């Protein structure tokens, strides 16, 4: 046997050993997730899906816009506070059958008041259900009174 043949056989054996190692390494290189890893991956997937849902909801939600057209203007009815009057007395005059605290809360919210103090001559919007009360005036009447 020549030296070349021996070297060729040794090289073949070496290639066979490398191939066997490569196959074995390929089998052991598979990704295996622990329970904690599965929880983390699942959480990341859920987070990405939630983000996509929020993004889609933002794009598909109706958009609000402001307008200054007079046809869309809400008309309120008002009560003008007289000297010495409080929200309690105004609420009692508007509807004596209702607990004044409930009506005061509605008036405060409707007028975006910071407290319960009112000044003489201050116009306060009232709920529309009291528009037929004798002390209540419409927005048009209020504008006419202030213009005069």
Protein backbone atom coordinates (compact mmCIF):
# COMPACT_ATOMS: atom_id res chain seq x y z
CA UNK A 1 0.00 0.00 0.00
CA UNK A 2 1.31 3.33 -0.88
CA UNK A 3 1.54 6.29 1.43
CA UNK A 4 -0.99 8.09 -0.67
CA UNK A 5 -3.61 5.37 -0.17
CA UNK A 6 -3.05 5.33 3.57
CA UNK A 7 -3.42 9.11 3.74
CA UNK A 8 -6.58 8.91 1.63
CA UNK A 9 -8.09 6.31 3.94
CA UNK A 10 -7.20 8.36 6.99
CA UNK A 11 -8.82 11.40 5.39
CA UNK A 12 -11.95 9.43 4.65
CA UNK A 13 -12.17 8.26 8.22
CA UNK A 14 -11.71 11.83 9.37
CA UNK A 15 -14.53 13.05 7.10
CA UNK A 16 -16.79 10.29 8.39
CA UNK A 17 -16.05 11.33 11.97
CA UNK A 18 -16.76 15.01 11.16
CA UNK A 19 -20.01 14.09 9.41
CA UNK A 20 -21.13 12.00 12.39
CA UNK A 21 -20.27 14.88 14.75
CA UNK A 22 -22.16 17.35 12.56
CA UNK A 23 -25.27 15.14 12.55
CA UNK A 24 -25.06 14.73 16.32
CA UNK A 25 -24.54 18.48 16.83
CA UNK A 26 -27.50 19.25 14.57
CA UNK A 27 -29.74 16.99 16.67
CA UNK A 28 -28.66 18.53 19.97
CA UNK A 29 -28.83 22.13 18.71
CA UNK A 30 -32.64 22.16 18.70
CA UNK A 31 -34.22 24.95 20.71
CA UNK A 32 -35.85 23.71 23.86
CA UNK A 33 -37.91 26.11 25.95
CA UNK A 34 -38.39 25.69 29.64
CA UNK A 35 -41.72 26.45 31.26
CA UNK A 36 -40.49 29.94 32.13
CA UNK A 37 -39.34 30.45 28.54
CA UNK A 38 -42.74 29.43 27.18
CA UNK A 39 -44.41 31.90 29.56
CA UNK A 40 -42.08 34.70 28.47
CA UNK A 41 -42.56 33.97 24.75
CA UNK A 42 -46.33 33.69 25.23
CA UNK A 43 -46.37 37.01 27.11
CA UNK A 44 -44.39 38.73 24.37
CA UNK A 45 -46.76 37.41 21.71
CA UNK A 46 -49.77 38.55 23.77
CA UNK A 47 -48.18 41.99 24.22
CA UNK A 48 -47.61 42.37 20.49
CA UNK A 49 -51.19 41.27 19.72
CA UNK A 50 -52.58 43.70 22.30
CA UNK A 51 -50.56 46.52 20.75
CA UNK A 52 -51.90 45.66 17.32
CA UNK A 53 -55.48 45.63 18.65
CA UNK A 54 -55.03 49.05 20.28
CA UNK A 55 -53.54 50.41 17.07
CA UNK A 56 -56.44 49.02 15.01
CA UNK A 57 -59.00 50.38 17.48
CA UNK A 58 -57.38 53.81 17.28
CA UNK A 59 -57.53 53.84 13.50
CA UNK A 60 -61.11 52.59 13.32
CA UNK A 61 -62.61 54.73 16.09
CA UNK A 62 -64.79 57.67 15.07
CA UNK A 63 -63.02 60.99 15.24
CA UNK A 64 -64.49 63.96 17.09
CA UNK A 65 -64.22 67.43 15.66
CA UNK A 66 -65.31 70.86 16.77
CA UNK A 67 -67.58 73.05 14.76
CA UNK A 68 -68.70 76.62 15.16
CA UNK A 69 -71.84 76.36 13.09
CA UNK A 70 -74.87 77.96 14.69
CA UNK A 71 -77.17 75.11 13.66
CA UNK A 72 -75.31 72.68 15.96
CA UNK A 73 -75.26 75.07 18.91
CA UNK A 74 -76.97 73.71 22.03
CA UNK A 75 -79.45 76.15 23.51
CA UNK A 76 -79.64 76.25 27.31
CA UNK A 77 -82.03 77.91 29.65
CA UNK A 78 -80.68 80.09 32.42
CA UNK A 79 -81.41 81.43 35.87
CA UNK A 80 -79.89 84.76 36.87
CA UNK A 81 -78.77 84.91 40.49
CA UNK A 82 -80.20 87.79 42.49
CA UNK A 83 -78.36 89.48 45.38
CA UNK A 84 -78.27 87.24 48.46
CA UNK A 85 -79.21 84.06 46.57
CA UNK A 86 -77.24 80.85 46.79
CA UNK A 87 -77.27 77.67 44.77
CA UNK A 88 -79.39 76.12 47.51
CA UNK A 89 -82.09 78.80 47.22
CA UNK A 90 -81.99 78.65 43.39
CA UNK A 91 -82.37 74.86 43.46
CA UNK A 92 -85.21 75.08 45.98
CA UNK A 93 -87.05 77.60 43.80
CA UNK A 94 -86.59 75.56 40.64
CA UNK A 95 -87.98 72.31 42.07
CA UNK A 96 -89.10 72.17 45.69
CA UNK A 97 -89.92 68.43 45.39
CA UNK A 98 -86.34 67.38 44.56
CA UNK A 99 -83.43 67.17 47.02
CA UNK A 100 -81.60 70.48 46.43
CA UNK A 101 -78.19 68.74 46.71
CA UNK A 102 -78.90 66.68 43.59
CA UNK A 103 -79.98 69.72 41.57
CA UNK A 104 -77.00 71.76 42.86
CA UNK A 105 -74.67 68.98 41.69
CA UNK A 106 -76.27 69.10 38.22
CA UNK A 107 -75.96 72.90 38.02
CA UNK A 108 -72.32 72.83 39.20
CA UNK A 109 -71.47 70.19 36.59
CA UNK A 110 -73.41 71.90 33.79
CA UNK A 111 -71.73 75.25 34.45
CA UNK A 112 -68.33 73.76 35.31
CA UNK A 113 -68.23 75.67 38.57
CA UNK A 114 -65.30 75.17 40.96
CA UNK A 115 -67.40 75.71 44.06
CA UNK A 116 -70.89 76.55 45.21
CA UNK A 117 -70.46 80.34 45.31
CA UNK A 118 -72.56 82.47 42.97
CA UNK A 119 -72.48 86.21 42.39
CA UNK A 120 -75.43 88.53 41.88
CA UNK A 121 -76.23 88.82 38.17
CA UNK A 122 -74.44 85.57 37.30
CA UNK A 123 -76.32 83.56 34.68
CA UNK A 124 -76.39 79.83 35.43
CA UNK A 125 -77.45 77.21 32.93
CA UNK A 126 -80.07 74.83 34.29
CA UNK A 127 -81.19 71.41 33.08
CA UNK A 128 -83.67 71.63 30.20
CA UNK A 129 -86.43 69.94 32.20
CA UNK A 130 -86.82 73.25 34.10
CA UNK A 131 -87.28 75.37 30.97
CA UNK A 132 -90.96 75.98 31.77
CA UNK A 133 -90.22 77.39 35.25
CA UNK A 134 -91.15 81.07 35.72
CA UNK A 135 -87.63 82.03 36.92
CA UNK A 136 -85.89 80.49 33.91
CA UNK A 137 -85.06 82.50 30.77
CA UNK A 138 -83.88 81.28 27.38
CA UNK A 139 -80.46 81.98 25.88
CA UNK A 140 -82.02 84.43 23.40
CA UNK A 141 -83.67 86.40 26.21
CA UNK A 142 -80.39 86.44 28.13
CA UNK A 143 -78.51 87.81 25.11
CA UNK A 144 -81.20 90.46 24.55
CA UNK A 145 -81.01 91.52 28.22
CA UNK A 146 -77.22 91.77 28.18
CA UNK A 147 -77.24 93.72 24.90
CA UNK A 148 -79.65 96.29 26.28
